[in-house]
PDB file of all heavy atoms in Angstrom:
ATOM      1  N   ASP A   1     -31.404 175.562  78.122  1.00  0.00           N
ATOM      2  CA  ASP A   1     -30.223 174.771  77.787  1.00  0.00           C
ATOM      3  C   ASP A   1     -30.486 173.733  76.687  1.00  0.00           C
ATOM      4  O   ASP A   1     -29.631 172.972  76.332  1.00  0.00           O
ATOM      5  CB  ASP A   1     -29.649 174.088  79.021  1.00  0.00           C
ATOM      6  CG  ASP A   1     -30.512 172.969  79.547  1.00  0.00           C
ATOM      7  OD1 ASP A   1     -31.715 172.899  79.169  1.00  0.00           O
ATOM      8  OD2 ASP A   1     -29.992 172.164  80.333  1.00  0.00           O
ATOM      9  N   ALA A   2     -31.738 173.736  76.107  1.00  0.00           N
ATOM     10  CA  ALA A   2     -32.082 172.840  75.029  1.00  0.00           C
ATOM     11  C   ALA A   2     -33.252 173.449  74.270  1.00  0.00           C
ATOM     12  O   ALA A   2     -33.998 174.260  74.798  1.00  0.00           O
ATOM     13  CB  ALA A   2     -32.451 171.463  75.552  1.00  0.00           C
ATOM     14  N   ALA A   3     -33.394 173.066  72.996  1.00  0.00           N
ATOM     15  CA  ALA A   3     -34.445 173.594  72.185  1.00  0.00           C
ATOM     16  C   ALA A   3     -35.129 172.480  71.388  1.00  0.00           C
ATOM     17  O   ALA A   3     -34.446 171.545  70.922  1.00  0.00           O
ATOM     18  CB  ALA A   3     -33.940 174.653  71.216  1.00  0.00           C
ATOM     19  N   ILE A   4     -36.432 172.639  71.221  1.00  0.00           N
ATOM     20  CA  ILE A   4     -37.187 171.765  70.290  1.00  0.00           C
ATOM     21  C   ILE A   4     -37.763 172.735  69.263  1.00  0.00           C
ATOM     22  O   ILE A   4     -38.557 173.621  69.613  1.00  0.00           O
ATOM     23  CB  ILE A   4     -38.247 170.957  70.982  1.00  0.00           C
ATOM     24  CG1 ILE A   4     -37.658 170.107  72.120  1.00  0.00           C
ATOM     25  CG2 ILE A   4     -38.986 170.074  69.981  1.00  0.00           C
ATOM     26  CD1 ILE A   4     -38.672 169.251  72.879  1.00  0.00           C
ATOM     27  N   HIS A   5     -37.370 172.545  67.991  1.00  0.00           N
ATOM     28  CA  HIS A   5     -37.669 173.534  66.978  1.00  0.00           C
ATOM     29  C   HIS A   5     -38.762 173.030  66.006  1.00  0.00           C
ATOM     30  O   HIS A   5     -38.528 172.159  65.160  1.00  0.00           O
ATOM     31  CB  HIS A   5     -36.375 173.816  66.202  1.00  0.00           C
ATOM     32  CG  HIS A   5     -36.509 174.739  65.043  1.00  0.00           C
ATOM     33  ND1 HIS A   5     -37.452 175.788  65.028  1.00  0.00           N
ATOM     34  CD2 HIS A   5     -35.894 174.797  63.844  1.00  0.00           C
ATOM     35  CE1 HIS A   5     -37.357 176.405  63.872  1.00  0.00           C
ATOM     36  NE2 HIS A   5     -36.389 175.859  63.115  1.00  0.00           N
ATOM     37  N   PHE A   6     -39.942 173.652  66.129  1.00  0.00           N
ATOM     38  CA  PHE A   6     -41.072 173.361  65.243  1.00  0.00           C
ATOM     39  C   PHE A   6     -41.345 174.461  64.253  1.00  0.00           C
ATOM     40  O   PHE A   6     -41.928 174.224  63.216  1.00  0.00           O
ATOM     41  CB  PHE A   6     -42.360 173.135  66.071  1.00  0.00           C
ATOM     42  CG  PHE A   6     -42.368 171.953  66.966  1.00  0.00           C
ATOM     43  CD1 PHE A   6     -42.092 172.120  68.330  1.00  0.00           C
ATOM     44  CD2 PHE A   6     -42.586 170.693  66.495  1.00  0.00           C
ATOM     45  CE1 PHE A   6     -42.085 171.036  69.170  1.00  0.00           C
ATOM     46  CE2 PHE A   6     -42.588 169.573  67.347  1.00  0.00           C
ATOM     47  CZ  PHE A   6     -42.319 169.754  68.665  1.00  0.00           C
ATOM     48  N   ALA A   7     -41.067 175.720  64.628  1.00  0.00           N
ATOM     49  CA  ALA A   7     -41.545 176.877  63.915  1.00  0.00           C
ATOM     50  C   ALA A   7     -41.197 176.843  62.410  1.00  0.00           C
ATOM     51  O   ALA A   7     -40.006 176.877  62.058  1.00  0.00           O
ATOM     52  CB  ALA A   7     -40.966 178.149  64.515  1.00  0.00           C
ATOM     53  N   ALA A   8     -42.220 176.717  61.592  1.00  0.00           N
ATOM     54  CA  ALA A   8     -42.040 176.605  60.155  1.00  0.00           C
ATOM     55  C   ALA A   8     -43.396 176.640  59.483  1.00  0.00           C
ATOM     56  O   ALA A   8     -44.403 176.281  60.081  1.00  0.00           O
ATOM     57  CB  ALA A   8     -41.299 175.315  59.765  1.00  0.00           C
ATOM     58  N   TYR A   9     -43.393 177.055  58.204  1.00  0.00           N
ATOM     59  CA  TYR A   9     -44.574 176.816  57.360  1.00  0.00           C
ATOM     60  C   TYR A   9     -44.500 175.372  56.890  1.00  0.00           C
ATOM     61  O   TYR A   9     -43.405 174.831  56.671  1.00  0.00           O
ATOM     62  CB  TYR A   9     -44.564 177.738  56.174  1.00  0.00           C
ATOM     63  CG  TYR A   9     -44.672 179.192  56.509  1.00  0.00           C
ATOM     64  CD1 TYR A   9     -43.951 180.174  55.813  1.00  0.00           C
ATOM     65  CD2 TYR A   9     -45.555 179.668  57.489  1.00  0.00           C
ATOM     66  CE1 TYR A   9     -44.036 181.523  56.126  1.00  0.00           C
ATOM     67  CE2 TYR A   9     -45.637 181.011  57.834  1.00  0.00           C
ATOM     68  CZ  TYR A   9     -44.906 181.919  57.141  1.00  0.00           C
ATOM     69  OH  TYR A   9     -45.002 183.256  57.416  1.00  0.00           O
ATOM     70  N   LYS A  10     -45.660 174.725  56.715  1.00  0.00           N
ATOM     71  CA  LYS A  10     -45.608 173.277  56.552  1.00  0.00           C
ATOM     72  C   LYS A  10     -46.557 172.673  55.540  1.00  0.00           C
ATOM     73  O   LYS A  10     -46.883 171.498  55.599  1.00  0.00           O
ATOM     74  CB  LYS A  10     -45.788 172.578  57.889  1.00  0.00           C
ATOM     75  CG  LYS A  10     -47.139 172.721  58.513  1.00  0.00           C
ATOM     76  CD  LYS A  10     -47.229 171.979  59.826  1.00  0.00           C
ATOM     77  CE  LYS A  10     -48.643 171.560  60.193  1.00  0.00           C
ATOM     78  NZ  LYS A  10     -49.192 170.527  59.331  1.00  0.00           N
ATOM     79  N   ALA A  11     -47.024 173.448  54.562  1.00  0.00           N
ATOM     80  CA  ALA A  11     -47.906 172.909  53.564  1.00  0.00           C
ATOM     81  C   ALA A  11     -47.199 172.679  52.264  1.00  0.00           C
ATOM     82  O   ALA A  11     -46.773 173.650  51.622  1.00  0.00           O
ATOM     83  CB  ALA A  11     -49.104 173.847  53.357  1.00  0.00           C
ATOM     84  N   PRO A  12     -46.948 171.428  51.842  1.00  0.00           N
ATOM     85  CA  PRO A  12     -46.226 171.184  50.578  1.00  0.00           C
ATOM     86  C   PRO A  12     -46.804 171.903  49.393  1.00  0.00           C
ATOM     87  O   PRO A  12     -46.051 172.487  48.581  1.00  0.00           O
ATOM     88  CB  PRO A  12     -46.309 169.665  50.415  1.00  0.00           C
ATOM     89  CG  PRO A  12     -46.432 169.146  51.834  1.00  0.00           C
ATOM     90  CD  PRO A  12     -47.321 170.193  52.509  1.00  0.00           C
ATOM     91  N   GLY A  13     -48.137 171.878  49.225  1.00  0.00           N
ATOM     92  CA  GLY A  13     -48.754 172.517  48.079  1.00  0.00           C
ATOM     93  C   GLY A  13     -48.512 173.987  48.085  1.00  0.00           C
ATOM     94  O   GLY A  13     -48.155 174.605  47.050  1.00  0.00           O
ATOM     95  N   GLU A  14     -48.689 174.642  49.220  1.00  0.00           N
ATOM     96  CA  GLU A  14     -48.458 176.076  49.347  1.00  0.00           C
ATOM     97  C   GLU A  14     -46.996 176.419  49.035  1.00  0.00           C
ATOM     98  O   GLU A  14     -46.704 177.448  48.424  1.00  0.00           O
ATOM     99  CB  GLU A  14     -48.815 176.545  50.742  1.00  0.00           C
ATOM    100  CG  GLU A  14     -48.572 178.048  50.964  1.00  0.00           C
ATOM    101  CD  GLU A  14     -48.796 178.415  52.426  1.00  0.00           C
ATOM    102  OE1 GLU A  14     -48.066 177.911  53.322  1.00  0.00           O
ATOM    103  OE2 GLU A  14     -49.668 179.285  52.706  1.00  0.00           O
ATOM    104  N   SER A  15     -46.108 175.527  49.447  1.00  0.00           N
ATOM    105  CA  SER A  15     -44.675 175.790  49.230  1.00  0.00           C
ATOM    106  C   SER A  15     -44.283 175.845  47.763  1.00  0.00           C
ATOM    107  O   SER A  15     -43.362 176.524  47.384  1.00  0.00           O
ATOM    108  CB  SER A  15     -43.811 174.796  49.959  1.00  0.00           C
ATOM    109  OG  SER A  15     -43.781 173.513  49.276  1.00  0.00           O
ATOM    110  N   MET A  16     -45.058 175.134  46.927  1.00  0.00           N
ATOM    111  CA  MET A  16     -44.790 175.104  45.492  1.00  0.00           C
ATOM    112  C   MET A  16     -45.313 176.402  44.858  1.00  0.00           C
ATOM    113  O   MET A  16     -44.851 176.815  43.770  1.00  0.00           O
ATOM    114  CB  MET A  16     -45.419 173.919  44.856  1.00  0.00           C
ATOM    115  CG  MET A  16     -44.990 172.561  45.432  1.00  0.00           C
ATOM    116  SD  MET A  16     -43.236 172.238  45.166  1.00  0.00           S
ATOM    117  CE  MET A  16     -43.257 171.774  43.441  1.00  0.00           C
ATOM    118  N   GLN A  17     -46.246 177.067  45.506  1.00  0.00           N
ATOM    119  CA  GLN A  17     -46.759 178.327  44.987  1.00  0.00           C
ATOM    120  C   GLN A  17     -46.007 179.502  45.549  1.00  0.00           C
ATOM    121  O   GLN A  17     -45.957 180.612  44.894  1.00  0.00           O
ATOM    122  CB  GLN A  17     -48.246 178.456  45.380  1.00  0.00           C
ATOM    123  CG  GLN A  17     -49.103 177.351  44.807  1.00  0.00           C
ATOM    124  CD  GLN A  17     -50.489 177.284  45.438  1.00  0.00           C
ATOM    125  OE1 GLN A  17     -50.754 177.996  46.364  1.00  0.00           O
ATOM    126  NE2 GLN A  17     -51.356 176.412  44.880  1.00  0.00           N
ATOM    127  N   ALA A  18     -45.429 179.415  46.699  1.00  0.00           N
ATOM    128  CA  ALA A  18     -44.723 180.532  47.341  1.00  0.00           C
ATOM    129  C   ALA A  18     -43.360 180.092  47.905  1.00  0.00           C
ATOM    130  O   ALA A  18     -43.104 180.100  49.092  1.00  0.00           O
ATOM    131  CB  ALA A  18     -45.570 181.116  48.461  1.00  0.00           C
ATOM    132  N   PRO A  19     -42.471 179.611  46.978  1.00  0.00           N
ATOM    133  CA  PRO A  19     -41.194 179.055  47.462  1.00  0.00           C
ATOM    134  C   PRO A  19     -40.342 180.066  48.288  1.00  0.00           C
ATOM    135  O   PRO A  19     -39.693 179.686  49.214  1.00  0.00           O
ATOM    136  CB  PRO A  19     -40.484 178.627  46.165  1.00  0.00           C
ATOM    137  CG  PRO A  19     -41.150 179.438  45.095  1.00  0.00           C
ATOM    138  CD  PRO A  19     -42.552 179.594  45.523  1.00  0.00           C
ATOM    139  N   GLY A  20     -40.364 181.333  47.827  1.00  0.00           N
ATOM    140  CA  GLY A  20     -39.570 182.333  48.526  1.00  0.00           C
ATOM    141  C   GLY A  20     -39.971 182.460  49.998  1.00  0.00           C
ATOM    142  O   GLY A  20     -39.119 182.626  50.866  1.00  0.00           O
ATOM    143  N   ARG A  21     -41.256 182.411  50.230  1.00  0.00           N
ATOM    144  CA  ARG A  21     -41.731 182.516  51.593  1.00  0.00           C
ATOM    145  C   ARG A  21     -41.244 181.373  52.441  1.00  0.00           C
ATOM    146  O   ARG A  21     -40.891 181.555  53.619  1.00  0.00           O
ATOM    147  CB  ARG A  21     -43.277 182.520  51.554  1.00  0.00           C
ATOM    148  CG  ARG A  21     -43.937 182.845  52.864  1.00  0.00           C
ATOM    149  CD  ARG A  21     -45.414 182.848  52.720  1.00  0.00           C
ATOM    150  NE  ARG A  21     -46.079 183.419  53.896  1.00  0.00           N
ATOM    151  CZ  ARG A  21     -47.344 183.221  54.230  1.00  0.00           C
ATOM    152  NH1 ARG A  21     -48.069 182.465  53.427  1.00  0.00           N
ATOM    153  NH2 ARG A  21     -47.848 183.778  55.292  1.00  0.00           N
ATOM    154  N   TYR A  22     -41.196 180.162  51.873  1.00  0.00           N
ATOM    155  CA  TYR A  22     -40.783 178.989  52.601  1.00  0.00           C
ATOM    156  C   TYR A  22     -39.286 178.988  52.858  1.00  0.00           C
ATOM    157  O   TYR A  22     -38.833 178.675  53.952  1.00  0.00           O
ATOM    158  CB  TYR A  22     -41.214 177.705  51.877  1.00  0.00           C
ATOM    159  CG  TYR A  22     -42.621 177.302  52.295  1.00  0.00           C
ATOM    160  CD1 TYR A  22     -43.736 178.046  51.954  1.00  0.00           C
ATOM    161  CD2 TYR A  22     -42.822 176.130  53.097  1.00  0.00           C
ATOM    162  CE1 TYR A  22     -44.997 177.704  52.353  1.00  0.00           C
ATOM    163  CE2 TYR A  22     -44.101 175.757  53.480  1.00  0.00           C
ATOM    164  CZ  TYR A  22     -45.157 176.542  53.114  1.00  0.00           C
ATOM    165  OH  TYR A  22     -46.446 176.173  53.521  1.00  0.00           O
ATOM    166  N   PHE A  23     -38.475 179.398  51.874  1.00  0.00           N
ATOM    167  CA  PHE A  23     -37.065 179.473  52.071  1.00  0.00           C
ATOM    168  C   PHE A  23     -36.704 180.533  53.126  1.00  0.00           C
ATOM    169  O   PHE A  23     -35.849 180.334  53.958  1.00  0.00           O
ATOM    170  CB  PHE A  23     -36.319 179.728  50.743  1.00  0.00           C
ATOM    171  CG  PHE A  23     -36.272 178.514  49.846  1.00  0.00           C
ATOM    172  CD1 PHE A  23     -36.767 178.576  48.564  1.00  0.00           C
ATOM    173  CD2 PHE A  23     -35.707 177.354  50.306  1.00  0.00           C
ATOM    174  CE1 PHE A  23     -36.713 177.471  47.715  1.00  0.00           C
ATOM    175  CE2 PHE A  23     -35.610 176.232  49.478  1.00  0.00           C
ATOM    176  CZ  PHE A  23     -36.137 176.291  48.199  1.00  0.00           C
ATOM    177  N   ALA A  24     -37.378 181.671  53.058  1.00  0.00           N
ATOM    178  CA  ALA A  24     -37.102 182.762  54.013  1.00  0.00           C
ATOM    179  C   ALA A  24     -37.424 182.337  55.407  1.00  0.00           C
ATOM    180  O   ALA A  24     -36.617 182.550  56.331  1.00  0.00           O
ATOM    181  CB  ALA A  24     -37.882 184.012  53.600  1.00  0.00           C
ATOM    182  N   ASN A  25     -38.568 181.752  55.624  1.00  0.00           N
ATOM    183  CA  ASN A  25     -39.018 181.390  56.973  1.00  0.00           C
ATOM    184  C   ASN A  25     -38.379 180.093  57.496  1.00  0.00           C
ATOM    185  O   ASN A  25     -37.754 180.099  58.535  1.00  0.00           O
ATOM    186  CB  ASN A  25     -40.556 181.241  57.013  1.00  0.00           C
ATOM    187  CG  ASN A  25     -41.080 181.020  58.394  1.00  0.00           C
ATOM    188  OD1 ASN A  25     -41.014 181.911  59.228  1.00  0.00           O
ATOM    189  ND2 ASN A  25     -41.603 179.831  58.645  1.00  0.00           N
ATOM    190  N   ASN A  26     -38.478 179.047  56.703  1.00  0.00           N
ATOM    191  CA  ASN A  26     -38.047 177.770  57.180  1.00  0.00           C
ATOM    192  C   ASN A  26     -36.530 177.586  57.191  1.00  0.00           C
ATOM    193  O   ASN A  26     -35.990 176.901  58.048  1.00  0.00           O
ATOM    194  CB  ASN A  26     -38.645 176.622  56.342  1.00  0.00           C
ATOM    195  CG  ASN A  26     -40.144 176.515  56.471  1.00  0.00           C
ATOM    196  OD1 ASN A  26     -40.787 177.405  57.004  1.00  0.00           O
ATOM    197  ND2 ASN A  26     -40.715 175.463  55.945  1.00  0.00           N
ATOM    198  N   VAL A  27     -35.851 178.201  56.237  1.00  0.00           N
ATOM    199  CA  VAL A  27     -34.395 178.040  56.121  1.00  0.00           C
ATOM    200  C   VAL A  27     -33.642 179.207  56.755  1.00  0.00           C
ATOM    201  O   VAL A  27     -32.908 179.021  57.733  1.00  0.00           O
ATOM    202  CB  VAL A  27     -33.961 177.844  54.654  1.00  0.00           C
ATOM    203  CG1 VAL A  27     -32.449 177.704  54.549  1.00  0.00           C
ATOM    204  CG2 VAL A  27     -34.655 176.632  54.059  1.00  0.00           C
ATOM    205  N   THR A  28     -33.847 180.424  56.255  1.00  0.00           N
ATOM    206  CA  THR A  28     -33.163 181.550  56.795  1.00  0.00           C
ATOM    207  C   THR A  28     -33.489 181.748  58.283  1.00  0.00           C
ATOM    208  O   THR A  28     -32.585 181.969  59.112  1.00  0.00           O
ATOM    209  CB  THR A  28     -33.476 182.818  56.020  1.00  0.00           C
ATOM    210  OG1 THR A  28     -33.155 182.610  54.647  1.00  0.00           O
ATOM    211  CG2 THR A  28     -32.665 184.015  56.514  1.00  0.00           C
ATOM    212  N   GLY A  29     -34.778 181.712  58.607  1.00  0.00           N
ATOM    213  CA  GLY A  29     -35.152 181.848  60.007  1.00  0.00           C
ATOM    214  C   GLY A  29     -34.544 180.773  60.920  1.00  0.00           C
ATOM    215  O   GLY A  29     -34.059 181.095  61.996  1.00  0.00           O
ATOM    216  N   SER A  30     -34.520 179.541  60.450  1.00  0.00           N
ATOM    217  CA  SER A  30     -33.965 178.462  61.248  1.00  0.00           C
ATOM    218  C   SER A  30     -32.436 178.623  61.423  1.00  0.00           C
ATOM    219  O   SER A  30     -31.918 178.361  62.485  1.00  0.00           O
ATOM    220  CB  SER A  30     -34.260 177.093  60.603  1.00  0.00           C
ATOM    221  OG  SER A  30     -35.628 176.853  60.662  1.00  0.00           O
ATOM    222  N   GLN A  31     -31.773 179.073  60.355  1.00  0.00           N
ATOM    223  CA  GLN A  31     -30.327 179.277  60.489  1.00  0.00           C
ATOM    224  C   GLN A  31     -29.999 180.387  61.510  1.00  0.00           C
ATOM    225  O   GLN A  31     -29.079 180.246  62.304  1.00  0.00           O
ATOM    226  CB  GLN A  31     -29.714 179.628  59.109  1.00  0.00           C
ATOM    227  CG  GLN A  31     -28.203 179.608  59.064  1.00  0.00           C
ATOM    228  CD  GLN A  31     -27.580 180.905  59.601  1.00  0.00           C
ATOM    229  OE1 GLN A  31     -28.104 181.971  59.351  1.00  0.00           O
ATOM    230  NE2 GLN A  31     -26.499 180.776  60.323  1.00  0.00           N
ATOM    231  N   VAL A  32     -30.776 181.462  61.493  1.00  0.00           N
ATOM    232  CA  VAL A  32     -30.587 182.511  62.490  1.00  0.00           C
ATOM    233  C   VAL A  32     -30.797 181.928  63.904  1.00  0.00           C
ATOM    234  O   VAL A  32     -30.042 182.208  64.836  1.00  0.00           O
ATOM    235  CB  VAL A  32     -31.512 183.680  62.206  1.00  0.00           C
ATOM    236  CG1 VAL A  32     -31.471 184.692  63.409  1.00  0.00           C
ATOM    237  CG2 VAL A  32     -31.133 184.388  60.938  1.00  0.00           C
ATOM    238  N   LEU A  33     -31.871 181.164  64.036  1.00  0.00           N
ATOM    239  CA  LEU A  33     -32.160 180.537  65.338  1.00  0.00           C
ATOM    240  C   LEU A  33     -31.038 179.677  65.830  1.00  0.00           C
ATOM    241  O   LEU A  33     -30.541 179.786  66.987  1.00  0.00           O
ATOM    242  CB  LEU A  33     -33.445 179.710  65.229  1.00  0.00           C
ATOM    243  CG  LEU A  33     -33.750 178.828  66.465  1.00  0.00           C
ATOM    244  CD1 LEU A  33     -34.252 179.689  67.592  1.00  0.00           C
ATOM    245  CD2 LEU A  33     -34.777 177.767  66.093  1.00  0.00           C
ATOM    246  N   ILE A  34     -30.559 178.766  64.974  1.00  0.00           N
ATOM    247  CA  ILE A  34     -29.487 177.827  65.379  1.00  0.00           C
ATOM    248  C   ILE A  34     -28.210 178.572  65.702  1.00  0.00           C
ATOM    249  O   ILE A  34     -27.519 178.257  66.670  1.00  0.00           O
ATOM    250  CB  ILE A  34     -29.257 176.783  64.231  1.00  0.00           C
ATOM    251  CG1 ILE A  34     -30.548 175.948  64.062  1.00  0.00           C
ATOM    252  CG2 ILE A  34     -28.070 175.910  64.539  1.00  0.00           C
ATOM    253  CD1 ILE A  34     -30.595 175.211  62.736  1.00  0.00           C
ATOM    254  N   GLU A  35     -27.875 179.587  64.922  1.00  0.00           N
ATOM    255  CA  GLU A  35     -26.672 180.387  65.232  1.00  0.00           C
ATOM    256  C   GLU A  35     -26.816 181.099  66.583  1.00  0.00           C
ATOM    257  O   GLU A  35     -25.855 181.112  67.369  1.00  0.00           O
ATOM    258  CB  GLU A  35     -26.433 181.403  64.087  1.00  0.00           C
ATOM    259  CG  GLU A  35     -25.332 182.396  64.356  1.00  0.00           C
ATOM    260  CD  GLU A  35     -23.933 181.798  64.329  1.00  0.00           C
ATOM    261  OE1 GLU A  35     -23.771 180.659  63.898  1.00  0.00           O
ATOM    262  OE2 GLU A  35     -22.999 182.484  64.777  1.00  0.00           O
TER     263      GLU A  35
END
C-alpha cells in the first residue's frame, strides 16, 4: 500500500557519457512504475 522508490542509475559523470541509458532507466522506468 506504499512504495519507497530508489531504483535508478546514480553517477552524474556516467550520465553525461550515456544520457540515453539514464533517461530510459531513471525516467521511463520510473514512469511505468508510478503508473
